[in-house]
Structure formats: structure tokens, C-alpha cells
Amino acid sequence: MWSKRRQPAERRMNCMQVARVLQAYLDGETDEVTARRVAAHLEDCRRCGLEVETYRKIKDALTRRSEPDAEAVERLRGFAEGLLHSGENGEEGRTRQGFDPIP
């Protein structure tokens, strides 16, 4: 009858929640619980995994002080626009700039 409540570390993060902390996570600035939750989401979510790759490409380019890859910048822009237009669960509205639904 009563379902067990998950502990905070066990709760699933959605794409919107991950997007809010992704940069801090990649910079190693999140607490351990958040880092585990983000890592678990990234294991299961191809879209967010691609965003990690995009962030890393841009960060590497900035570290080298070179022009970031235009495609990576456009993917990041599309990701941000998709989040702005997404529903509460962070999954809707992501059909721009390479974010077509994954078969």
C-alpha cells in the first residue's frame, strides 16, 4: 500500500536538474551526493552525455585559447534553448540544433 520513499541520494535527476548543476559538476564543485546523482543520470541519458562532451570540447578550446568548435557552440546554444522551452520534466521541446528525438 505505502511505497517506500527514496533517500535523497537515490532520487533520479531529470535533464533540467542536471543542466542546472552540470558546469559545477564538471568543475568538481558539487557535493558528493549531487555528483553521484549527476553521474547516475549521465550513465542513462545520451542527450546529457552529449552535452558533457560539448562542454568539455569548449572548455578544452578555451584552455588552449583557441576558437571553440562552431558546431559545439551551436549544440550548446540548442541545448540551452531547448531547456528554456522545455516542460517541467526537462524532456520536452528538445528538437533544435541536433536534439531530435533519439530512436
C-alpha atoms as a PDB file:
ATOM      1  CA  MET A   1       0.000   0.000   0.000  1.00  0.00           C
ATOM      2  CA  TRP A   2       2.567   2.566   1.072  1.00  0.00           C
ATOM      3  CA  SER A   3       5.509   2.965  -1.212  1.00  0.00           C
ATOM      4  CA  LYS A   4       8.958   3.384   0.216  1.00  0.00           C
ATOM      5  CA  ARG A   5      10.329   6.896  -0.041  1.00  0.00           C
ATOM      6  CA  ARG A   6      13.727   7.014  -1.638  1.00  0.00           C
ATOM      7  CA  GLN A   7      16.563   8.678   0.167  1.00  0.00           C
ATOM      8  CA  PRO A   8      17.753  11.925  -1.472  1.00  0.00           C
ATOM      9  CA  ALA A   9      20.854  10.210  -2.886  1.00  0.00           C
ATOM     10  CA  GLU A  10      18.621   7.676  -4.630  1.00  0.00           C
ATOM     11  CA  ARG A  11      16.222  10.124  -6.269  1.00  0.00           C
ATOM     12  CA  ARG A  12      16.558  10.348 -10.014  1.00  0.00           C
ATOM     13  CA  MET A  13      17.556  13.658 -11.538  1.00  0.00           C
ATOM     14  CA  ASN A  14      15.899  14.802 -14.736  1.00  0.00           C
ATOM     15  CA  CYS A  15      17.603  16.673 -17.561  1.00  0.00           C
ATOM     16  CA  MET A  16      16.587  20.103 -16.250  1.00  0.00           C
ATOM     17  CA  GLN A  17      18.032  19.387 -12.810  1.00  0.00           C
ATOM     18  CA  VAL A  18      21.265  18.090 -14.319  1.00  0.00           C
ATOM     19  CA  ALA A  19      21.538  21.136 -16.589  1.00  0.00           C
ATOM     20  CA  ARG A  20      21.396  23.424 -13.551  1.00  0.00           C
ATOM     21  CA  VAL A  21      24.425  21.796 -11.924  1.00  0.00           C
ATOM     22  CA  LEU A  22      26.302  20.373 -14.894  1.00  0.00           C
ATOM     23  CA  GLN A  23      29.019  23.011 -15.078  1.00  0.00           C
ATOM     24  CA  ALA A  24      29.661  22.829 -11.332  1.00  0.00           C
ATOM     25  CA  TYR A  25      29.750  19.021 -11.597  1.00  0.00           C
ATOM     26  CA  LEU A  26      32.290  19.137 -14.424  1.00  0.00           C
ATOM     27  CA  ASP A  27      34.405  21.569 -12.424  1.00  0.00           C
ATOM     28  CA  GLY A  28      34.294  19.270  -9.368  1.00  0.00           C
ATOM     29  CA  GLU A  29      32.344  21.827  -7.350  1.00  0.00           C
ATOM     30  CA  THR A  30      29.312  19.742  -6.351  1.00  0.00           C
ATOM     31  CA  ASP A  31      28.827  17.852  -3.121  1.00  0.00           C
ATOM     32  CA  GLU A  32      29.244  14.077  -3.153  1.00  0.00           C
ATOM     33  CA  VAL A  33      25.514  13.278  -3.224  1.00  0.00           C
ATOM     34  CA  THR A  34      24.862  15.614  -6.164  1.00  0.00           C
ATOM     35  CA  ALA A  35      27.901  14.274  -8.010  1.00  0.00           C
ATOM     36  CA  ARG A  36      26.618  10.695  -7.635  1.00  0.00           C
ATOM     37  CA  ARG A  37      23.141  11.684  -8.813  1.00  0.00           C
ATOM     38  CA  VAL A  38      24.508  13.548 -11.853  1.00  0.00           C
ATOM     39  CA  ALA A  39      26.837  10.655 -12.701  1.00  0.00           C
ATOM     40  CA  ALA A  40      23.922   8.196 -12.495  1.00  0.00           C
ATOM     41  CA  HIS A  41      21.840  10.379 -14.818  1.00  0.00           C
ATOM     42  CA  LEU A  42      24.712  10.730 -17.298  1.00  0.00           C
ATOM     43  CA  GLU A  43      25.072   6.951 -17.459  1.00  0.00           C
ATOM     44  CA  ASP A  44      21.460   6.637 -18.616  1.00  0.00           C
ATOM     45  CA  CYS A  45      20.905   9.814 -20.655  1.00  0.00           C
ATOM     46  CA  ARG A  46      22.541  10.046 -24.056  1.00  0.00           C
ATOM     47  CA  ARG A  47      21.466  13.661 -24.558  1.00  0.00           C
ATOM     48  CA  CYS A  48      23.040  14.922 -21.367  1.00  0.00           C
ATOM     49  CA  GLY A  49      26.106  12.784 -22.063  1.00  0.00           C
ATOM     50  CA  LEU A  50      26.480  14.578 -25.379  1.00  0.00           C
ATOM     51  CA  GLU A  51      26.253  17.889 -23.544  1.00  0.00           C
ATOM     52  CA  VAL A  52      29.112  16.840 -21.277  1.00  0.00           C
ATOM     53  CA  GLU A  53      31.171  16.141 -24.376  1.00  0.00           C
ATOM     54  CA  THR A  54      30.217  19.548 -25.799  1.00  0.00           C
ATOM     55  CA  TYR A  55      31.127  21.384 -22.583  1.00  0.00           C
ATOM     56  CA  ARG A  56      34.472  19.588 -22.468  1.00  0.00           C
ATOM     57  CA  LYS A  57      35.278  20.490 -26.085  1.00  0.00           C
ATOM     58  CA  ILE A  58      34.527  24.142 -25.411  1.00  0.00           C
ATOM     59  CA  LYS A  59      36.466  24.141 -22.148  1.00  0.00           C
ATOM     60  CA  ASP A  60      39.457  22.490 -23.861  1.00  0.00           C
ATOM     61  CA  ALA A  61      39.369  25.098 -26.635  1.00  0.00           C
ATOM     62  CA  LEU A  62      39.246  27.904 -24.090  1.00  0.00           C
ATOM     63  CA  THR A  63      42.120  26.333 -22.168  1.00  0.00           C
ATOM     64  CA  ARG A  64      44.141  26.286 -25.398  1.00  0.00           C
ATOM     65  CA  ARG A  65      42.927  29.850 -26.032  1.00  0.00           C
ATOM     66  CA  SER A  66      41.664  28.882 -29.432  1.00  0.00           C
ATOM     67  CA  GLU A  67      38.306  29.415 -31.111  1.00  0.00           C
ATOM     68  CA  PRO A  68      35.762  26.862 -29.842  1.00  0.00           C
ATOM     69  CA  ASP A  69      34.395  24.480 -32.441  1.00  0.00           C
ATOM     70  CA  ALA A  70      31.408  26.213 -34.070  1.00  0.00           C
ATOM     71  CA  GLU A  71      29.384  23.003 -34.026  1.00  0.00           C
ATOM     72  CA  ALA A  72      29.975  22.584 -30.277  1.00  0.00           C
ATOM     73  CA  VAL A  73      28.871  26.163 -29.640  1.00  0.00           C
ATOM     74  CA  GLU A  74      25.708  25.624 -31.696  1.00  0.00           C
ATOM     75  CA  ARG A  75      24.945  22.379 -29.822  1.00  0.00           C
ATOM     76  CA  LEU A  76      25.331  24.211 -26.521  1.00  0.00           C
ATOM     77  CA  ARG A  77      23.095  27.035 -27.753  1.00  0.00           C
ATOM     78  CA  GLY A  78      20.486  24.487 -28.896  1.00  0.00           C
ATOM     79  CA  PHE A  79      20.667  22.700 -25.559  1.00  0.00           C
ATOM     80  CA  ALA A  80      20.088  25.970 -23.685  1.00  0.00           C
ATOM     81  CA  GLU A  81      17.198  26.953 -25.955  1.00  0.00           C
ATOM     82  CA  GLY A  82      15.668  23.511 -25.511  1.00  0.00           C
ATOM     83  CA  LEU A  83      15.821  23.893 -21.742  1.00  0.00           C
ATOM     84  CA  LEU A  84      14.160  27.291 -21.937  1.00  0.00           C
ATOM     85  CA  HIS A  85      11.311  25.807 -23.956  1.00  0.00           C
ATOM     86  CA  SER A  86      11.043  22.505 -22.124  1.00  0.00           C
ATOM     87  CA  GLY A  87       8.315  21.280 -19.864  1.00  0.00           C
ATOM     88  CA  GLU A  88       8.752  20.798 -16.152  1.00  0.00           C
ATOM     89  CA  ASN A  89      10.367  17.391 -16.566  1.00  0.00           C
ATOM     90  CA  GLY A  90      13.065  18.804 -18.867  1.00  0.00           C
ATOM     91  CA  GLU A  91      12.363  16.360 -21.672  1.00  0.00           C
ATOM     92  CA  GLU A  92      10.046  18.307 -23.998  1.00  0.00           C
ATOM     93  CA  GLY A  93      10.999  20.877 -26.580  1.00  0.00           C
ATOM     94  CA  ARG A  94      14.376  19.426 -27.435  1.00  0.00           C
ATOM     95  CA  THR A  95      14.211  19.126 -31.174  1.00  0.00           C
ATOM     96  CA  ARG A  96      16.514  22.009 -32.095  1.00  0.00           C
ATOM     97  CA  GLN A  97      20.159  22.044 -33.122  1.00  0.00           C
ATOM     98  CA  GLY A  98      20.842  18.315 -33.114  1.00  0.00           C
ATOM     99  CA  PHE A  99      18.430  17.369 -30.391  1.00  0.00           C
ATOM    100  CA  ASP A 100      15.987  15.387 -32.464  1.00  0.00           C
ATOM    101  CA  PRO A 101      14.435  12.528 -30.538  1.00  0.00           C
ATOM    102  CA  ILE A 102      16.713   9.521 -30.258  1.00  0.00           C
ATOM    103  CA  PRO A 103      15.210   6.370 -31.788  1.00  0.00           C
END
